[in-house]
């Protein structure tokens, strides 16, 4: 996973895989979902990120251990 923030375009992108994007969808204004050829989500983008996040250039990641049954 790779997270990028472009200050010039004010876009935050979360890349889940390196597969090429075959299709994109904008389910809500300012949110773009990118899919590969098989329909799997490969990335999503948040436009006007500074309006929707306190500090888009800083990202906090929390990994929660998977519970075993």
PDB file of N, CA and C in Angstrom:
ATOM      1  N   UNK A   1       0.859  -1.171   0.000  1.00  0.00           N
ATOM      2  CA  UNK A   1       0.000   0.000   0.000  1.00  0.00           C
ATOM      3  C   UNK A   1       0.899   1.226   0.000  1.00  0.00           C
ATOM      4  N   UNK A   2       0.489   2.224  -0.760  1.00  0.00           N
ATOM      5  CA  UNK A   2       1.233   3.469  -0.855  1.00  0.00           C
ATOM      6  C   UNK A   2       0.227   4.618  -0.768  1.00  0.00           C
ATOM      7  N   UNK A   3       0.553   5.617   0.022  1.00  0.00           N
ATOM      8  CA  UNK A   3      -0.319   6.789   0.179  1.00  0.00           C
ATOM      9  C   UNK A   3       0.451   8.008  -0.293  1.00  0.00           C
ATOM     10  N   UNK A   4      -0.174   8.792  -1.171  1.00  0.00           N
ATOM     11  CA  UNK A   4       0.477   9.995  -1.671  1.00  0.00           C
ATOM     12  C   UNK A   4      -0.445  11.198  -1.499  1.00  0.00           C
ATOM     13  N   UNK A   5       0.179  12.359  -1.298  1.00  0.00           N
ATOM     14  CA  UNK A   5      -0.576  13.606  -1.259  1.00  0.00           C
ATOM     15  C   UNK A   5       0.098  14.577  -2.212  1.00  0.00           C
ATOM     16  N   UNK A   6      -0.656  15.097  -3.160  1.00  0.00           N
ATOM     17  CA  UNK A   6      -0.155  16.077  -4.124  1.00  0.00           C
ATOM     18  C   UNK A   6      -0.662  17.446  -3.696  1.00  0.00           C
ATOM     19  N   UNK A   7       0.249  18.266  -3.193  1.00  0.00           N
ATOM     20  CA  UNK A   7      -0.123  19.580  -2.675  1.00  0.00           C
ATOM     21  C   UNK A   7      -0.654  20.503  -3.778  1.00  0.00           C
ATOM     22  N   UNK A   8      -0.096  20.379  -4.977  1.00  0.00           N
ATOM     23  CA  UNK A   8      -0.532  21.242  -6.089  1.00  0.00           C
ATOM     24  C   UNK A   8      -1.982  20.993  -6.482  1.00  0.00           C
ATOM     25  N   UNK A   9      -2.384  19.719  -6.519  1.00  0.00           N
ATOM     26  CA  UNK A   9      -3.764  19.400  -6.902  1.00  0.00           C
ATOM     27  C   UNK A   9      -4.659  19.159  -5.693  1.00  0.00           C
ATOM     28  N   UNK A  10      -4.048  19.165  -4.484  1.00  0.00           N
ATOM     29  CA  UNK A  10      -4.771  18.922  -3.230  1.00  0.00           C
ATOM     30  C   UNK A  10      -5.519  17.595  -3.282  1.00  0.00           C
ATOM     31  N   UNK A  11      -4.777  16.547  -3.708  1.00  0.00           N
ATOM     32  CA  UNK A  11      -5.353  15.220  -3.874  1.00  0.00           C
ATOM     33  C   UNK A  11      -4.609  14.211  -3.014  1.00  0.00           C
ATOM     34  N   UNK A  12      -5.363  13.461  -2.228  1.00  0.00           N
ATOM     35  CA  UNK A  12      -4.810  12.361  -1.443  1.00  0.00           C
ATOM     36  C   UNK A  12      -5.194  11.073  -2.154  1.00  0.00           C
ATOM     37  N   UNK A  13      -4.207  10.206  -2.392  1.00  0.00           N
ATOM     38  CA  UNK A  13      -4.464   8.944  -3.085  1.00  0.00           C
ATOM     39  C   UNK A  13      -3.942   7.786  -2.248  1.00  0.00           C
ATOM     40  N   UNK A  14      -4.742   6.741  -2.157  1.00  0.00           N
ATOM     41  CA  UNK A  14      -4.351   5.511  -1.470  1.00  0.00           C
ATOM     42  C   UNK A  14      -4.299   4.423  -2.536  1.00  0.00           C
ATOM     43  N   UNK A  15      -3.090   3.906  -2.779  1.00  0.00           N
ATOM     44  CA  UNK A  15      -2.863   2.885  -3.798  1.00  0.00           C
ATOM     45  C   UNK A  15      -2.788   1.532  -3.089  1.00  0.00           C
ATOM     46  N   UNK A  16      -3.729   0.668  -3.377  1.00  0.00           N
ATOM     47  CA  UNK A  16      -3.805  -0.635  -2.730  1.00  0.00           C
ATOM     48  C   UNK A  16      -2.991  -1.693  -3.464  1.00  0.00           C
ATOM     49  N   UNK A  17      -2.796  -1.501  -4.758  1.00  0.00           N
ATOM     50  CA  UNK A  17      -1.990  -2.425  -5.550  1.00  0.00           C
ATOM     51  C   UNK A  17      -1.388  -1.647  -6.715  1.00  0.00           C
ATOM     52  N   UNK A  18      -0.460  -2.290  -7.402  1.00  0.00           N
ATOM     53  CA  UNK A  18       0.195  -1.650  -8.548  1.00  0.00           C
ATOM     54  C   UNK A  18      -0.420  -2.082  -9.876  1.00  0.00           C
ATOM     55  N   UNK A  19      -1.569  -2.780  -9.835  1.00  0.00           N
ATOM     56  CA  UNK A  19      -2.234  -3.179 -11.075  1.00  0.00           C
ATOM     57  C   UNK A  19      -2.679  -1.938 -11.843  1.00  0.00           C
ATOM     58  N   UNK A  20      -2.654  -1.990 -13.159  1.00  0.00           N
ATOM     59  CA  UNK A  20      -3.105  -0.843 -13.953  1.00  0.00           C
ATOM     60  C   UNK A  20      -4.593  -0.574 -13.759  1.00  0.00           C
ATOM     61  N   UNK A  21      -4.944   0.684 -13.800  1.00  0.00           N
ATOM     62  CA  UNK A  21      -6.345   1.098 -13.664  1.00  0.00           C
ATOM     63  C   UNK A  21      -7.045   0.887 -15.003  1.00  0.00           C
ATOM     64  N   UNK A  22      -8.147   0.152 -14.973  1.00  0.00           N
ATOM     65  CA  UNK A  22      -8.930  -0.110 -16.181  1.00  0.00           C
ATOM     66  C   UNK A  22     -10.224   0.696 -16.197  1.00  0.00           C
ATOM     67  N   UNK A  23     -10.712   1.090 -15.008  1.00  0.00           N
ATOM     68  CA  UNK A  23     -11.992   1.800 -14.916  1.00  0.00           C
ATOM     69  C   UNK A  23     -12.003   2.630 -13.644  1.00  0.00           C
ATOM     70  N   UNK A  24     -12.714   3.729 -13.683  1.00  0.00           N
ATOM     71  CA  UNK A  24     -12.847   4.607 -12.514  1.00  0.00           C
ATOM     72  C   UNK A  24     -14.309   4.969 -12.321  1.00  0.00           C
ATOM     73  N   UNK A  25     -14.643   5.285 -11.080  1.00  0.00           N
ATOM     74  CA  UNK A  25     -16.011   5.657 -10.731  1.00  0.00           C
ATOM     75  C   UNK A  25     -15.929   6.779  -9.709  1.00  0.00           C
ATOM     76  N   UNK A  26     -16.895   7.679  -9.734  1.00  0.00           N
ATOM     77  CA  UNK A  26     -16.980   8.760  -8.751  1.00  0.00           C
ATOM     78  C   UNK A  26     -18.336   8.648  -8.048  1.00  0.00           C
ATOM     79  N   UNK A  27     -18.419   7.775  -7.003  1.00  0.00           N
ATOM     80  CA  UNK A  27     -19.703   7.534  -6.350  1.00  0.00           C
ATOM     81  C   UNK A  27     -20.248   8.760  -5.619  1.00  0.00           C
ATOM     82  N   UNK A  28     -19.362   9.630  -5.204  1.00  0.00           N
ATOM     83  CA  UNK A  28     -19.737  10.888  -4.562  1.00  0.00           C
ATOM     84  C   UNK A  28     -18.788  11.959  -5.075  1.00  0.00           C
ATOM     85  N   UNK A  29     -19.217  13.202  -5.131  1.00  0.00           N
ATOM     86  CA  UNK A  29     -18.318  14.253  -5.600  1.00  0.00           C
ATOM     87  C   UNK A  29     -17.025  14.291  -4.770  1.00  0.00           C
ATOM     88  N   UNK A  30     -15.889  14.262  -5.463  1.00  0.00           N
ATOM     89  CA  UNK A  30     -14.602  14.359  -4.793  1.00  0.00           C
ATOM     90  C   UNK A  30     -14.005  13.044  -4.339  1.00  0.00           C
ATOM     91  N   UNK A  31     -14.686  11.920  -4.600  1.00  0.00           N
ATOM     92  CA  UNK A  31     -14.167  10.599  -4.242  1.00  0.00           C
ATOM     93  C   UNK A  31     -14.109   9.768  -5.521  1.00  0.00           C
ATOM     94  N   UNK A  32     -12.900   9.344  -5.890  1.00  0.00           N
ATOM     95  CA  UNK A  32     -12.730   8.564  -7.110  1.00  0.00           C
ATOM     96  C   UNK A  32     -12.202   7.182  -6.749  1.00  0.00           C
ATOM     97  N   UNK A  33     -12.873   6.162  -7.252  1.00  0.00           N
ATOM     98  CA  UNK A  33     -12.474   4.769  -7.039  1.00  0.00           C
ATOM     99  C   UNK A  33     -11.921   4.230  -8.348  1.00  0.00           C
ATOM    100  N   UNK A  34     -10.751   3.579  -8.284  1.00  0.00           N
ATOM    101  CA  UNK A  34     -10.108   3.015  -9.471  1.00  0.00           C
ATOM    102  C   UNK A  34     -10.089   1.500  -9.376  1.00  0.00           C
ATOM    103  N   UNK A  35     -10.418   0.835 -10.487  1.00  0.00           N
ATOM    104  CA  UNK A  35     -10.522  -0.618 -10.533  1.00  0.00           C
ATOM    105  C   UNK A  35      -9.602  -1.187 -11.608  1.00  0.00           C
ATOM    106  N   UNK A  36      -9.136  -2.426 -11.388  1.00  0.00           N
ATOM    107  CA  UNK A  36      -8.336  -3.102 -12.400  1.00  0.00           C
ATOM    108  C   UNK A  36      -9.259  -3.821 -13.388  1.00  0.00           C
ATOM    109  N   UNK A  37      -8.665  -4.551 -14.313  1.00  0.00           N
ATOM    110  CA  UNK A  37      -9.418  -5.244 -15.364  1.00  0.00           C
ATOM    111  C   UNK A  37     -10.414  -6.255 -14.800  1.00  0.00           C
ATOM    112  N   UNK A  38     -10.106  -6.852 -13.636  1.00  0.00           N
ATOM    113  CA  UNK A  38     -10.997  -7.842 -13.026  1.00  0.00           C
ATOM    114  C   UNK A  38     -12.055  -7.204 -12.120  1.00  0.00           C
ATOM    115  N   UNK A  39     -12.041  -5.892 -11.984  1.00  0.00           N
ATOM    116  CA  UNK A  39     -13.023  -5.209 -11.151  1.00  0.00           C
ATOM    117  C   UNK A  39     -12.614  -5.043  -9.702  1.00  0.00           C
ATOM    118  N   UNK A  40     -11.357  -5.357  -9.376  1.00  0.00           N
ATOM    119  CA  UNK A  40     -10.864  -5.187  -8.009  1.00  0.00           C
ATOM    120  C   UNK A  40     -10.444  -3.735  -7.784  1.00  0.00           C
ATOM    121  N   UNK A  41     -10.728  -3.214  -6.608  1.00  0.00           N
ATOM    122  CA  UNK A  41     -10.333  -1.860  -6.246  1.00  0.00           C
ATOM    123  C   UNK A  41      -8.810  -1.800  -6.121  1.00  0.00           C
ATOM    124  N   UNK A  42      -8.174  -0.892  -6.861  1.00  0.00           N
ATOM    125  CA  UNK A  42      -6.716  -0.764  -6.795  1.00  0.00           C
ATOM    126  C   UNK A  42      -6.275   0.540  -6.142  1.00  0.00           C
ATOM    127  N   UNK A  43      -7.147   1.554  -6.155  1.00  0.00           N
ATOM    128  CA  UNK A  43      -6.812   2.815  -5.482  1.00  0.00           C
ATOM    129  C   UNK A  43      -8.065   3.653  -5.319  1.00  0.00           C
ATOM    130  N   UNK A  44      -7.958   4.623  -4.420  1.00  0.00           N
ATOM    131  CA  UNK A  44      -9.018   5.625  -4.310  1.00  0.00           C
ATOM    132  C   UNK A  44      -8.383   6.980  -4.056  1.00  0.00           C
ATOM    133  N   UNK A  45      -9.051   8.016  -4.538  1.00  0.00           N
ATOM    134  CA  UNK A  45      -8.540   9.370  -4.430  1.00  0.00           C
ATOM    135  C   UNK A  45      -9.563  10.273  -3.748  1.00  0.00           C
ATOM    136  N   UNK A  46      -9.056  11.192  -2.983  1.00  0.00           N
ATOM    137  CA  UNK A  46      -9.885  12.186  -2.310  1.00  0.00           C
ATOM    138  C   UNK A  46      -9.472  13.550  -2.856  1.00  0.00           C
ATOM    139  N   UNK A  47     -10.368  14.177  -3.616  1.00  0.00           N
ATOM    140  CA  UNK A  47     -10.098  15.487  -4.185  1.00  0.00           C
ATOM    141  C   UNK A  47     -10.395  16.565  -3.148  1.00  0.00           C
ATOM    142  N   UNK A  48      -9.732  17.714  -3.272  1.00  0.00           N
ATOM    143  CA  UNK A  48      -9.878  18.799  -2.288  1.00  0.00           C
ATOM    144  C   UNK A  48      -9.644  18.276  -0.881  1.00  0.00           C
ATOM    145  N   UNK A  49      -8.575  17.513  -0.721  1.00  0.00           N
ATOM    146  CA  UNK A  49      -8.288  16.819   0.540  1.00  0.00           C
ATOM    147  C   UNK A  49      -8.153  17.781   1.717  1.00  0.00           C
ATOM    148  N   UNK A  50      -7.593  18.959   1.499  1.00  0.00           N
ATOM    149  CA  UNK A  50      -7.405  19.896   2.619  1.00  0.00           C
ATOM    150  C   UNK A  50      -8.728  20.403   3.168  1.00  0.00           C
ATOM    151  N   UNK A  51      -9.784  20.298   2.409  1.00  0.00           N
ATOM    152  CA  UNK A  51     -11.112  20.693   2.897  1.00  0.00           C
ATOM    153  C   UNK A  51     -11.761  19.577   3.722  1.00  0.00           C
ATOM    154  N   UNK A  52     -11.276  18.340   3.525  1.00  0.00           N
ATOM    155  CA  UNK A  52     -11.903  17.197   4.162  1.00  0.00           C
ATOM    156  C   UNK A  52     -11.055  16.572   5.267  1.00  0.00           C
ATOM    157  N   UNK A  53      -9.782  16.988   5.355  1.00  0.00           N
ATOM    158  CA  UNK A  53      -8.871  16.455   6.363  1.00  0.00           C
ATOM    159  C   UNK A  53      -8.175  17.616   7.061  1.00  0.00           C
ATOM    160  N   UNK A  54      -7.791  17.406   8.297  1.00  0.00           N
ATOM    161  CA  UNK A  54      -7.099  18.462   9.027  1.00  0.00           C
ATOM    162  C   UNK A  54      -5.743  18.765   8.406  1.00  0.00           C
ATOM    163  N   UNK A  55      -4.907  17.736   8.253  1.00  0.00           N
ATOM    164  CA  UNK A  55      -3.584  17.900   7.649  1.00  0.00           C
ATOM    165  C   UNK A  55      -3.385  16.764   6.650  1.00  0.00           C
ATOM    166  N   UNK A  56      -3.747  16.960   5.380  1.00  0.00           N
ATOM    167  CA  UNK A  56      -3.678  15.856   4.419  1.00  0.00           C
ATOM    168  C   UNK A  56      -2.257  15.363   4.149  1.00  0.00           C
ATOM    169  N   UNK A  57      -1.251  16.171   4.394  1.00  0.00           N
ATOM    170  CA  UNK A  57       0.129  15.735   4.153  1.00  0.00           C
ATOM    171  C   UNK A  57       0.622  14.792   5.245  1.00  0.00           C
ATOM    172  N   UNK A  58      -0.146  14.636   6.329  1.00  0.00           N
ATOM    173  CA  UNK A  58       0.216  13.732   7.416  1.00  0.00           C
ATOM    174  C   UNK A  58      -0.839  12.635   7.505  1.00  0.00           C
ATOM    175  N   UNK A  59      -0.387  11.407   7.428  1.00  0.00           N
ATOM    176  CA  UNK A  59      -1.303  10.273   7.486  1.00  0.00           C
ATOM    177  C   UNK A  59      -0.880   9.369   8.636  1.00  0.00           C
ATOM    178  N   UNK A  60      -1.837   8.953   9.430  1.00  0.00           N
ATOM    179  CA  UNK A  60      -1.574   8.036  10.532  1.00  0.00           C
ATOM    180  C   UNK A  60      -2.119   6.674  10.146  1.00  0.00           C
ATOM    181  N   UNK A  61      -1.304   5.657  10.331  1.00  0.00           N
ATOM    182  CA  UNK A  61      -1.702   4.300   9.985  1.00  0.00           C
ATOM    183  C   UNK A  61      -1.746   3.456  11.251  1.00  0.00           C
ATOM    184  N   UNK A  62      -2.848   2.739  11.426  1.00  0.00           N
ATOM    185  CA  UNK A  62      -2.981   1.849  12.573  1.00  0.00           C
ATOM    186  C   UNK A  62      -3.244   0.450  12.055  1.00  0.00           C
ATOM    187  N   UNK A  63      -2.437  -0.504  12.475  1.00  0.00           N
ATOM    188  CA  UNK A  63      -2.632  -1.893  12.085  1.00  0.00           C
ATOM    189  C   UNK A  63      -3.231  -2.629  13.276  1.00  0.00           C
ATOM    190  N   UNK A  64      -4.402  -3.193  13.077  1.00  0.00           N
ATOM    191  CA  UNK A  64      -5.103  -3.904  14.138  1.00  0.00           C
ATOM    192  C   UNK A  64      -4.916  -5.398  13.909  1.00  0.00           C
ATOM    193  N   UNK A  65      -4.367  -6.099  14.889  1.00  0.00           N
ATOM    194  CA  UNK A  65      -4.151  -7.545  14.723  1.00  0.00           C
ATOM    195  C   UNK A  65      -5.470  -8.266  14.444  1.00  0.00           C
ATOM    196  N   UNK A  66      -5.398  -9.250  13.572  1.00  0.00           N
ATOM    197  CA  UNK A  66      -6.572 -10.029  13.239  1.00  0.00           C
ATOM    198  C   UNK A  66      -6.900 -10.960  14.405  1.00  0.00           C
ATOM    199  N   UNK A  67      -8.164 -11.003  14.751  1.00  0.00           N
ATOM    200  CA  UNK A  67      -8.608 -11.901  15.825  1.00  0.00           C
ATOM    201  C   UNK A  67      -8.723 -13.309  15.274  1.00  0.00           C
ATOM    202  N   UNK A  68      -8.299 -14.251  16.073  1.00  0.00           N
ATOM    203  CA  UNK A  68      -8.440 -15.653  15.684  1.00  0.00           C
ATOM    204  C   UNK A  68      -9.556 -16.272  16.504  1.00  0.00           C
ATOM    205  N   UNK A  69     -10.312 -17.115  15.877  1.00  0.00           N
ATOM    206  CA  UNK A  69     -11.458 -17.739  16.553  1.00  0.00           C
ATOM    207  C   UNK A  69     -11.068 -18.953  17.328  1.00  0.00           C
TER     208      UNK A  69
END
